[in-house]
Each structure stands twice: as C-alpha cells, then as structure tokens.
PDB file of N, CA and C in Angstrom:
ATOM      1  N   MET A   1      27.498  -7.778  -9.401  1.00  0.00           N
ATOM      2  CA  MET A   1      27.088  -9.071 -10.083  1.00  0.00           C
ATOM      3  C   MET A   1      26.270  -9.905 -10.203  1.00  0.00           C
ATOM      4  N   ILE A   2      25.509  -9.494 -11.000  1.00  0.00           N
ATOM      5  CA  ILE A   2      23.930 -11.178 -10.757  1.00  0.00           C
ATOM      6  C   ILE A   2      24.189 -12.545 -10.993  1.00  0.00           C
ATOM      7  N   VAL A   3      24.157 -13.159 -10.419  1.00  0.00           N
ATOM      8  CA  VAL A   3      24.217 -14.657 -10.923  1.00  0.00           C
ATOM      9  C   VAL A   3      22.579 -14.908 -11.269  1.00  0.00           C
ATOM     10  N   ILE A   4      23.260 -15.783 -12.304  1.00  0.00           N
ATOM     11  CA  ILE A   4      22.179 -16.446 -13.109  1.00  0.00           C
ATOM     12  C   ILE A   4      21.809 -17.773 -13.183  1.00  0.00           C
ATOM     13  N   PRO A   5      20.720 -18.538 -12.854  1.00  0.00           N
ATOM     14  CA  PRO A   5      20.510 -19.655 -12.503  1.00  0.00           C
ATOM     15  C   PRO A   5      20.903 -20.593 -13.937  1.00  0.00           C
ATOM     16  N   ILE A   6      21.399 -21.805 -13.841  1.00  0.00           N
ATOM     17  CA  ILE A   6      21.642 -22.850 -15.202  1.00  0.00           C
ATOM     18  C   ILE A   6      20.882 -23.675 -15.143  1.00  0.00           C
ATOM     19  N   ILE A   7      19.885 -24.228 -14.083  1.00  0.00           N
ATOM     20  CA  ILE A   7      19.054 -24.729 -14.265  1.00  0.00           C
ATOM     21  C   ILE A   7      17.922 -24.071 -14.632  1.00  0.00           C
ATOM     22  N   GLN A   8      17.126 -24.782 -15.603  1.00  0.00           N
ATOM     23  CA  GLN A   8      15.796 -24.108 -16.263  1.00  0.00           C
ATOM     24  C   GLN A   8      14.945 -23.536 -15.445  1.00  0.00           C
ATOM     25  N   SER A   9      14.230 -25.007 -14.184  1.00  0.00           N
ATOM     26  CA  SER A   9      13.107 -24.502 -13.200  1.00  0.00           C
ATOM     27  C   SER A   9      13.578 -23.383 -12.268  1.00  0.00           C
ATOM     28  N   SER A  10      15.096 -22.923 -11.971  1.00  0.00           N
ATOM     29  CA  SER A  10      15.481 -22.148 -11.080  1.00  0.00           C
ATOM     30  C   SER A  10      15.654 -20.634 -11.953  1.00  0.00           C
ATOM     31  N   GLN A  11      15.791 -20.581 -13.599  1.00  0.00           N
ATOM     32  CA  GLN A  11      15.375 -19.658 -14.294  1.00  0.00           C
ATOM     33  C   GLN A  11      14.379 -18.967 -13.981  1.00  0.00           C
ATOM     34  N   LYS A  12      13.354 -20.069 -14.028  1.00  0.00           N
ATOM     35  CA  LYS A  12      11.586 -19.633 -14.237  1.00  0.00           C
ATOM     36  C   LYS A  12      11.318 -19.283 -12.469  1.00  0.00           C
ATOM     37  N   ARG A  13      12.209 -19.778 -11.514  1.00  0.00           N
ATOM     38  CA  ARG A  13      11.604 -18.936 -10.422  1.00  0.00           C
ATOM     39  C   ARG A  13      11.996 -17.524 -10.126  1.00  0.00           C
ATOM     40  N   LEU A  14      13.537 -17.577 -11.050  1.00  0.00           N
ATOM     41  CA  LEU A  14      13.667 -16.102 -10.900  1.00  0.00           C
ATOM     42  C   LEU A  14      12.948 -15.053 -11.370  1.00  0.00           C
ATOM     43  N   ARG A  15      12.359 -15.531 -13.062  1.00  0.00           N
ATOM     44  CA  ARG A  15      11.355 -14.622 -13.671  1.00  0.00           C
ATOM     45  C   ARG A  15      10.299 -14.612 -12.550  1.00  0.00           C
ATOM     46  N   GLN A  16       9.795 -15.728 -12.089  1.00  0.00           N
ATOM     47  CA  GLN A  16       8.524 -15.211 -11.165  1.00  0.00           C
ATOM     48  C   GLN A  16       8.423 -14.419 -10.041  1.00  0.00           C
ATOM     49  N   SER A  17       9.619 -14.542  -9.399  1.00  0.00           N
ATOM     50  CA  SER A  17      10.093 -13.520  -8.246  1.00  0.00           C
ATOM     51  C   SER A  17      10.791 -12.368  -8.363  1.00  0.00           C
ATOM     52  N   GLN A  18      10.811 -12.083  -9.740  1.00  0.00           N
ATOM     53  CA  GLN A  18      10.733 -11.066 -10.152  1.00  0.00           C
ATOM     54  C   GLN A  18       9.764  -9.919 -10.397  1.00  0.00           C
ATOM     55  N   ARG A  19       8.736 -10.954 -11.411  1.00  0.00           N
ATOM     56  CA  ARG A  19       7.608 -10.348 -11.500  1.00  0.00           C
ATOM     57  C   ARG A  19       6.262  -9.822 -10.252  1.00  0.00           C
ATOM     58  N   ARG A  20       6.808 -11.049  -9.044  1.00  0.00           N
ATOM     59  CA  ARG A  20       6.196 -10.724  -8.132  1.00  0.00           C
ATOM     60  C   ARG A  20       6.683  -9.325  -7.067  1.00  0.00           C
ATOM     61  N   HIS A  21       7.588  -9.071  -7.270  1.00  0.00           N
ATOM     62  CA  HIS A  21       8.638  -8.270  -6.472  1.00  0.00           C
ATOM     63  C   HIS A  21       8.280  -6.970  -6.803  1.00  0.00           C
ATOM     64  N   GLU A  22       7.858  -6.802  -8.452  1.00  0.00           N
ATOM     65  CA  GLU A  22       7.337  -5.617  -9.274  1.00  0.00           C
ATOM     66  C   GLU A  22       5.920  -5.376  -8.691  1.00  0.00           C
ATOM     67  N   ARG A  23       5.394  -6.222  -8.666  1.00  0.00           N
ATOM     68  CA  ARG A  23       3.883  -6.532  -8.327  1.00  0.00           C
ATOM     69  C   ARG A  23       3.677  -5.827  -6.867  1.00  0.00           C
ATOM     70  N   ASN A  24       4.147  -6.139  -6.292  1.00  0.00           N
ATOM     71  CA  ASN A  24       4.230  -5.899  -4.527  1.00  0.00           C
ATOM     72  C   ASN A  24       4.643  -4.560  -4.676  1.00  0.00           C
ATOM     73  N   LEU A  25       5.721  -3.476  -5.274  1.00  0.00           N
ATOM     74  CA  LEU A  25       6.294  -2.476  -5.051  1.00  0.00           C
ATOM     75  C   LEU A  25       5.420  -1.940  -5.794  1.00  0.00           C
ATOM     76  N   GLN A  26       4.450  -1.934  -6.837  1.00  0.00           N
ATOM     77  CA  GLN A  26       3.327  -1.181  -6.925  1.00  0.00           C
ATOM     78  C   GLN A  26       2.235  -1.096  -6.338  1.00  0.00           C
ATOM     79  N   ARG A  27       1.997  -2.596  -5.569  1.00  0.00           N
ATOM     80  CA  ARG A  27       0.652  -2.243  -4.661  1.00  0.00           C
ATOM     81  C   ARG A  27       1.435  -1.506  -3.383  1.00  0.00           C
ATOM     82  N   LYS A  28       2.364  -1.441  -2.944  1.00  0.00           N
ATOM     83  CA  LYS A  28       3.034  -1.049  -1.800  1.00  0.00           C
ATOM     84  C   LYS A  28       2.961   0.781  -2.227  1.00  0.00           C
ATOM     85  N   LYS A  29       3.659   1.319  -3.775  1.00  0.00           N
ATOM     86  CA  LYS A  29       3.927   2.467  -4.014  1.00  0.00           C
ATOM     87  C   LYS A  29       2.135   2.760  -3.888  1.00  0.00           C
ATOM     88  N   LYS A  30       1.119   2.750  -4.440  1.00  0.00           N
ATOM     89  CA  LYS A  30      -0.157   2.783  -4.720  1.00  0.00           C
ATOM     90  C   LYS A  30      -0.499   3.577  -3.275  1.00  0.00           C
ATOM     91  N   PHE A  31      -0.378   2.393  -2.348  1.00  0.00           N
ATOM     92  CA  PHE A  31      -1.156   2.956  -1.133  1.00  0.00           C
ATOM     93  C   PHE A  31      -0.637   3.832  -0.234  1.00  0.00           C
ATOM     94  N   LYS A  32       0.649   3.909  -0.190  1.00  0.00           N
ATOM     95  CA  LYS A  32       1.443   4.919   0.013  1.00  0.00           C
ATOM     96  C   LYS A  32       1.191   6.080  -0.352  1.00  0.00           C
ATOM     97  N   GLN A  33       1.125   6.368  -1.663  1.00  0.00           N
ATOM     98  CA  GLN A  33       0.831   7.653  -2.175  1.00  0.00           C
ATOM     99  C   GLN A  33      -0.331   8.172  -1.555  1.00  0.00           C
ATOM    100  N   LEU A  34      -1.692   7.336  -1.617  1.00  0.00           N
ATOM    101  CA  LEU A  34      -2.904   7.825  -1.500  1.00  0.00           C
ATOM    102  C   LEU A  34      -2.856   8.254   0.081  1.00  0.00           C
ATOM    103  N   LEU A  35      -1.742   7.497   1.005  1.00  0.00           N
ATOM    104  CA  LEU A  35      -2.151   7.780   2.241  1.00  0.00           C
ATOM    105  C   LEU A  35      -1.197   9.158   2.905  1.00  0.00           C
ATOM    106  N   ARG A  36      -0.080   9.487   1.595  1.00  0.00           N
ATOM    107  CA  ARG A  36       0.466  10.626   1.983  1.00  0.00           C
ATOM    108  C   ARG A  36      -0.755  11.958   1.488  1.00  0.00           C
ATOM    109  N   GLN A  37      -1.151  11.720   0.335  1.00  0.00           N
ATOM    110  CA  GLN A  37      -2.314  12.636  -0.168  1.00  0.00           C
ATOM    111  C   GLN A  37      -3.184  12.678   1.282  1.00  0.00           C
ATOM    112  N   ILE A  38      -3.830  11.924   1.297  1.00  0.00           N
ATOM    113  CA  ILE A  38      -4.845  11.866   2.695  1.00  0.00           C
ATOM    114  C   ILE A  38      -4.274  13.005   3.949  1.00  0.00           C
ATOM    115  N   ARG A  39      -3.129  12.321   4.338  1.00  0.00           N
ATOM    116  CA  ARG A  39      -2.074  12.842   4.954  1.00  0.00           C
ATOM    117  C   ARG A  39      -2.086  14.775   5.059  1.00  0.00           C
ATOM    118  N   ARG A  40      -2.007  14.637   3.930  1.00  0.00           N
ATOM    119  CA  ARG A  40      -1.705  16.349   3.188  1.00  0.00           C
ATOM    120  C   ARG A  40      -3.174  16.909   3.606  1.00  0.00           C
ATOM    121  N   HIS A  41      -3.936  16.118   3.002  1.00  0.00           N
ATOM    122  CA  HIS A  41      -5.270  17.002   3.265  1.00  0.00           C
ATOM    123  C   HIS A  41      -5.591  17.456   4.133  1.00  0.00           C
ATOM    124  N   SER A  42      -5.473  16.569   5.468  1.00  0.00           N
ATOM    125  CA  SER A  42      -6.030  16.338   6.687  1.00  0.00           C
ATOM    126  C   SER A  42      -5.772  17.317   7.441  1.00  0.00           C
ATOM    127  N   LEU A  43      -3.933  17.428   7.085  1.00  0.00           N
ATOM    128  CA  LEU A  43      -3.100  18.585   7.818  1.00  0.00           C
ATOM    129  C   LEU A  43      -3.749  20.133   7.381  1.00  0.00           C
ATOM    130  N   ALA A  44      -4.015  19.918   6.383  1.00  0.00           N
ATOM    131  CA  ALA A  44      -4.484  21.502   5.721  1.00  0.00           C
ATOM    132  C   ALA A  44      -5.833  21.605   6.037  1.00  0.00           C
ATOM    133  N   GLY A  45      -6.711  20.762   6.591  1.00  0.00           N
ATOM    134  CA  GLY A  45      -7.816  21.136   6.979  1.00  0.00           C
ATOM    135  C   GLY A  45      -8.890  20.387   5.842  1.00  0.00           C
ATOM    136  N   GLN A  46      -8.641  20.204   4.978  1.00  0.00           N
ATOM    137  CA  GLN A  46      -9.214  19.700   3.767  1.00  0.00           C
ATOM    138  C   GLN A  46     -10.040  18.386   4.145  1.00  0.00           C
ATOM    139  N   THR A  47     -10.684  18.188   4.696  1.00  0.00           N
ATOM    140  CA  THR A  47     -11.330  16.825   5.109  1.00  0.00           C
ATOM    141  C   THR A  47     -12.199  16.172   3.938  1.00  0.00           C
ATOM    142  N   ALA A  48     -12.632  16.951   3.202  1.00  0.00           N
ATOM    143  CA  ALA A  48     -13.942  16.567   2.373  1.00  0.00           C
ATOM    144  C   ALA A  48     -12.766  16.298   1.256  1.00  0.00           C
ATOM    145  N   GLU A  49     -11.714  16.616   0.846  1.00  0.00           N
ATOM    146  CA  GLU A  49     -10.561  15.881   0.103  1.00  0.00           C
ATOM    147  C   GLU A  49     -10.488  14.634   0.021  1.00  0.00           C
ATOM    148  N   ALA A  50      -9.919  14.685   1.776  1.00  0.00           N
ATOM    149  CA  ALA A  50      -9.517  13.712   2.309  1.00  0.00           C
ATOM    150  C   ALA A  50     -10.565  12.189   2.245  1.00  0.00           C
ATOM    151  N   GLN A  51     -11.503  12.493   2.501  1.00  0.00           N
ATOM    152  CA  GLN A  51     -12.802  11.931   2.445  1.00  0.00           C
ATOM    153  C   GLN A  51     -12.840  10.964   1.136  1.00  0.00           C
ATOM    154  N   GLU A  52     -12.951  11.749   0.096  1.00  0.00           N
ATOM    155  CA  GLU A  52     -12.921  11.158  -1.096  1.00  0.00           C
ATOM    156  C   GLU A  52     -11.992  10.073  -1.593  1.00  0.00           C
ATOM    157  N   LEU A  53     -10.512  10.652  -1.144  1.00  0.00           N
ATOM    158  CA  LEU A  53      -9.771   9.672  -0.939  1.00  0.00           C
ATOM    159  C   LEU A  53      -9.856   8.166  -0.560  1.00  0.00           C
ATOM    160  N   LEU A  54     -10.280   8.811   0.784  1.00  0.00           N
ATOM    161  CA  LEU A  54     -10.528   7.288   1.688  1.00  0.00           C
ATOM    162  C   LEU A  54     -10.951   5.898   0.862  1.00  0.00           C
ATOM    163  N   PRO A  55     -11.712   5.772   0.212  1.00  0.00           N
ATOM    164  CA  PRO A  55     -12.147   4.495  -0.411  1.00  0.00           C
ATOM    165  C   PRO A  55     -11.262   3.817  -1.370  1.00  0.00           C
ATOM    166  N   GLN A  56     -10.351   4.700  -2.227  1.00  0.00           N
ATOM    167  CA  GLN A  56      -9.491   4.279  -2.981  1.00  0.00           C
ATOM    168  C   GLN A  56      -8.448   3.391  -1.910  1.00  0.00           C
ATOM    169  N   LEU A  57      -7.812   4.167  -1.035  1.00  0.00           N
ATOM    170  CA  LEU A  57      -6.917   4.011  -0.071  1.00  0.00           C
ATOM    171  C   LEU A  57      -7.366   2.754   0.629  1.00  0.00           C
ATOM    172  N   MET A  58      -8.539   2.670   1.056  1.00  0.00           N
ATOM    173  CA  MET A  58      -8.947   1.430   2.185  1.00  0.00           C
ATOM    174  C   MET A  58      -9.129  -0.292   1.145  1.00  0.00           C
ATOM    175  N   GLN A  59      -9.419   0.269  -0.376  1.00  0.00           N
ATOM    176  CA  GLN A  59      -9.043  -0.933  -1.286  1.00  0.00           C
ATOM    177  C   GLN A  59      -7.453  -1.215  -1.567  1.00  0.00           C
ATOM    178  N   ALA A  60      -7.005  -0.059  -1.651  1.00  0.00           N
ATOM    179  CA  ALA A  60      -5.463  -0.722  -1.872  1.00  0.00           C
ATOM    180  C   ALA A  60      -4.870  -1.172  -0.962  1.00  0.00           C
ATOM    181  N   VAL A  61      -5.023  -0.660   0.181  1.00  0.00           N
ATOM    182  CA  VAL A  61      -4.588  -1.631   1.744  1.00  0.00           C
ATOM    183  C   VAL A  61      -5.090  -2.967   1.887  1.00  0.00           C
ATOM    184  N   ASP A  62      -6.297  -2.949   1.434  1.00  0.00           N
ATOM    185  CA  ASP A  62      -6.921  -4.250   1.302  1.00  0.00           C
ATOM    186  C   ASP A  62      -6.603  -5.367   0.577  1.00  0.00           C
ATOM    187  N   LYS A  63      -6.156  -4.850  -0.976  1.00  0.00           N
ATOM    188  CA  LYS A  63      -5.478  -5.839  -1.532  1.00  0.00           C
ATOM    189  C   LYS A  63      -4.144  -6.126  -1.268  1.00  0.00           C
ATOM    190  N   ALA A  64      -3.325  -5.072  -0.950  1.00  0.00           N
ATOM    191  CA  ALA A  64      -1.885  -5.818  -0.539  1.00  0.00           C
ATOM    192  C   ALA A  64      -1.982  -6.642   0.507  1.00  0.00           C
ATOM    193  N   ALA A  65      -2.795  -6.490   1.683  1.00  0.00           N
ATOM    194  CA  ALA A  65      -2.688  -7.646   2.666  1.00  0.00           C
ATOM    195  C   ALA A  65      -3.387  -8.558   2.264  1.00  0.00           C
ATOM    196  N   ARG A  66      -4.520  -8.727   1.160  1.00  0.00           N
ATOM    197  CA  ARG A  66      -4.890 -10.013   0.350  1.00  0.00           C
ATOM    198  C   ARG A  66      -3.918 -10.771  -0.100  1.00  0.00           C
ATOM    199  N   HIS A  67      -3.236 -10.102  -0.686  1.00  0.00           N
ATOM    200  CA  HIS A  67      -2.232 -10.679  -1.387  1.00  0.00           C
ATOM    201  C   HIS A  67      -0.595 -10.628  -1.431  1.00  0.00           C
ATOM    202  N   HIS A  68      -1.208 -10.713   0.362  1.00  0.00           N
ATOM    203  CA  HIS A  68       0.564 -10.391   1.366  1.00  0.00           C
ATOM    204  C   HIS A  68       1.551  -9.934   0.581  1.00  0.00           C
ATOM    205  N   THR A  69       1.266  -8.611   0.491  1.00  0.00           N
ATOM    206  CA  THR A  69       2.526  -7.606   0.267  1.00  0.00           C
ATOM    207  C   THR A  69       2.661  -6.946   1.416  1.00  0.00           C
ATOM    208  N   ILE A  70       1.755  -6.923   2.142  1.00  0.00           N
ATOM    209  CA  ILE A  70       1.683  -6.271   3.802  1.00  0.00           C
ATOM    210  C   ILE A  70       0.919  -7.097   4.437  1.00  0.00           C
ATOM    211  N   HIS A  71       1.114  -7.030   5.852  1.00  0.00           N
ATOM    212  CA  HIS A  71       0.498  -7.976   6.932  1.00  0.00           C
ATOM    213  C   HIS A  71      -0.644  -7.464   7.085  1.00  0.00           C
ATOM    214  N   SER A  72      -1.806  -8.218   7.437  1.00  0.00           N
ATOM    215  CA  SER A  72      -3.112  -8.293   7.629  1.00  0.00           C
ATOM    216  C   SER A  72      -3.242  -6.741   8.761  1.00  0.00           C
ATOM    217  N   ASN A  73      -2.389  -7.324   9.712  1.00  0.00           N
ATOM    218  CA  ASN A  73      -2.445  -6.344  10.932  1.00  0.00           C
ATOM    219  C   ASN A  73      -1.816  -5.186  10.490  1.00  0.00           C
ATOM    220  N   ARG A  74      -0.830  -4.887  10.096  1.00  0.00           N
ATOM    221  CA  ARG A  74      -0.808  -3.537   9.375  1.00  0.00           C
ATOM    222  C   ARG A  74      -1.333  -2.912   8.601  1.00  0.00           C
ATOM    223  N   ALA A  75      -2.142  -3.590   7.861  1.00  0.00           N
ATOM    224  CA  ALA A  75      -3.065  -3.066   7.066  1.00  0.00           C
ATOM    225  C   ALA A  75      -4.366  -2.500   8.098  1.00  0.00           C
ATOM    226  N   ALA A  76      -4.672  -3.343   9.055  1.00  0.00           N
ATOM    227  CA  ALA A  76      -5.442  -2.741   9.836  1.00  0.00           C
ATOM    228  C   ALA A  76      -5.159  -1.409  10.893  1.00  0.00           C
ATOM    229  N   ARG A  77      -4.013  -1.873  11.049  1.00  0.00           N
ATOM    230  CA  ARG A  77      -3.396  -0.484  12.214  1.00  0.00           C
ATOM    231  C   ARG A  77      -3.518   0.838  11.203  1.00  0.00           C
ATOM    232  N   ILE A  78      -3.283   0.981   9.549  1.00  0.00           N
ATOM    233  CA  ILE A  78      -3.217   1.887   8.831  1.00  0.00           C
ATOM    234  C   ILE A  78      -4.609   2.263   8.758  1.00  0.00           C
ATOM    235  N   LYS A  79      -5.556   1.391   8.463  1.00  0.00           N
ATOM    236  CA  LYS A  79      -6.795   1.949   8.331  1.00  0.00           C
ATOM    237  C   LYS A  79      -7.516   2.782   9.776  1.00  0.00           C
ATOM    238  N   SER A  80      -7.012   1.989  10.630  1.00  0.00           N
ATOM    239  CA  SER A  80      -7.552   2.531  12.251  1.00  0.00           C
ATOM    240  C   SER A  80      -6.684   3.658  12.594  1.00  0.00           C
ATOM    241  N   ARG A  81      -5.399   3.866  12.305  1.00  0.00           N
ATOM    242  CA  ARG A  81      -4.844   5.502  12.382  1.00  0.00           C
ATOM    243  C   ARG A  81      -5.287   6.319  11.712  1.00  0.00           C
ATOM    244  N   LEU A  82      -5.678   6.016  10.425  1.00  0.00           N
ATOM    245  CA  LEU A  82      -6.212   6.601   9.712  1.00  0.00           C
ATOM    246  C   LEU A  82      -7.673   7.680   9.740  1.00  0.00           C
ATOM    247  N   MET A  83      -8.698   6.548  10.216  1.00  0.00           N
ATOM    248  CA  MET A  83      -9.896   6.910  10.601  1.00  0.00           C
ATOM    249  C   MET A  83     -10.053   7.554  12.182  1.00  0.00           C
ATOM    250  N   ARG A  84      -9.250   7.457  12.913  1.00  0.00           N
ATOM    251  CA  ARG A  84      -8.998   8.072  14.291  1.00  0.00           C
ATOM    252  C   ARG A  84      -8.329   9.608  13.828  1.00  0.00           C
ATOM    253  N   ARG A  85      -7.419   9.744  12.861  1.00  0.00           N
ATOM    254  CA  ARG A  85      -6.831  11.048  12.356  1.00  0.00           C
ATOM    255  C   ARG A  85      -7.953  11.872  11.521  1.00  0.00           C
ATOM    256  N   LEU A  86      -8.717  10.783  10.843  1.00  0.00           N
ATOM    257  CA  LEU A  86     -10.076  12.305  10.010  1.00  0.00           C
ATOM    258  C   LEU A  86     -11.089  12.216  11.043  1.00  0.00           C
ATOM    259  N   GLN A  87     -11.195  11.525  12.186  1.00  0.00           N
ATOM    260  CA  GLN A  87     -12.098  12.042  13.182  1.00  0.00           C
ATOM    261  C   GLN A  87     -12.228  13.123  13.756  1.00  0.00           C
ATOM    262  N   ARG A  88     -10.595  13.245  14.249  1.00  0.00           N
ATOM    263  CA  ARG A  88     -10.388  14.034  15.361  1.00  0.00           C
ATOM    264  C   ARG A  88     -10.641  15.520  14.679  1.00  0.00           C
ATOM    265  N   PRO A  89     -11.596  16.110  15.357  1.00  0.00           N
ATOM    266  CA  PRO A  89     -11.164  17.547  14.984  1.00  0.00           C
ATOM    267  C   PRO A  89     -10.116  18.614  15.187  1.00  0.00           C
ATOM    268  N   ARG A  90     -10.385  19.637  14.224  1.00  0.00           N
ATOM    269  CA  ARG A  90      -8.829  20.559  14.052  1.00  0.00           C
ATOM    270  C   ARG A  90      -8.985  21.372  14.591  1.00  0.00           C
ATOM    271  N   PRO A  91      -8.461  22.051  15.382  1.00  0.00           N
ATOM    272  CA  PRO A  91      -8.627  23.468  15.619  1.00  0.00           C
ATOM    273  C   PRO A  91      -8.794  24.535  14.605  1.00  0.00           C
TER     274      PRO A  91
END
C-alpha cells in the first residue's frame, strides 16, 4: 500500500524524491554497465577495447560522485582498482 501525502508541500517533496531516485538509479546503472564491459574486456585480454571505454567510465563515476549518488571515496576506489587491473600484465 502506497501512502500518498495530503499536504501539498509533502506531495511536492514526494515527487522530487521520486525524480531524484530515478536519476540516481540511471547514474548508477550507467557506470556499473561500463564497469562490467571493461572488466569483461580486460579478462578476455582485449586491453585496447577496455582503454577506449575508460574515459567514459571515469566521467560516469565522477558524475555520480559529484551528485552524491555514490560516495567520493567509493568513486576513488573504483577508479584506483580499475587502473591497477588494466596495468597488470596478463599471462
């Protein structure tokens, strides 16, 4: 059961909250998708393809952190771990 607020200001807050929630989900989804693609490429040994997607991922992660969708430390961790993974030599 969804509770709909009666007071007008509460209704507006609910609408704003829902819009923000949708935007946050889109931002998270975008960088998670790119992260999966890069990991898949790096595991397959396709470092050139992974390097091409890297700027897009960095931009998406930074944007998510800037808008407080994810914590800034998490963004730094994601970027750091990914760079280490891509620089590691593959057998």
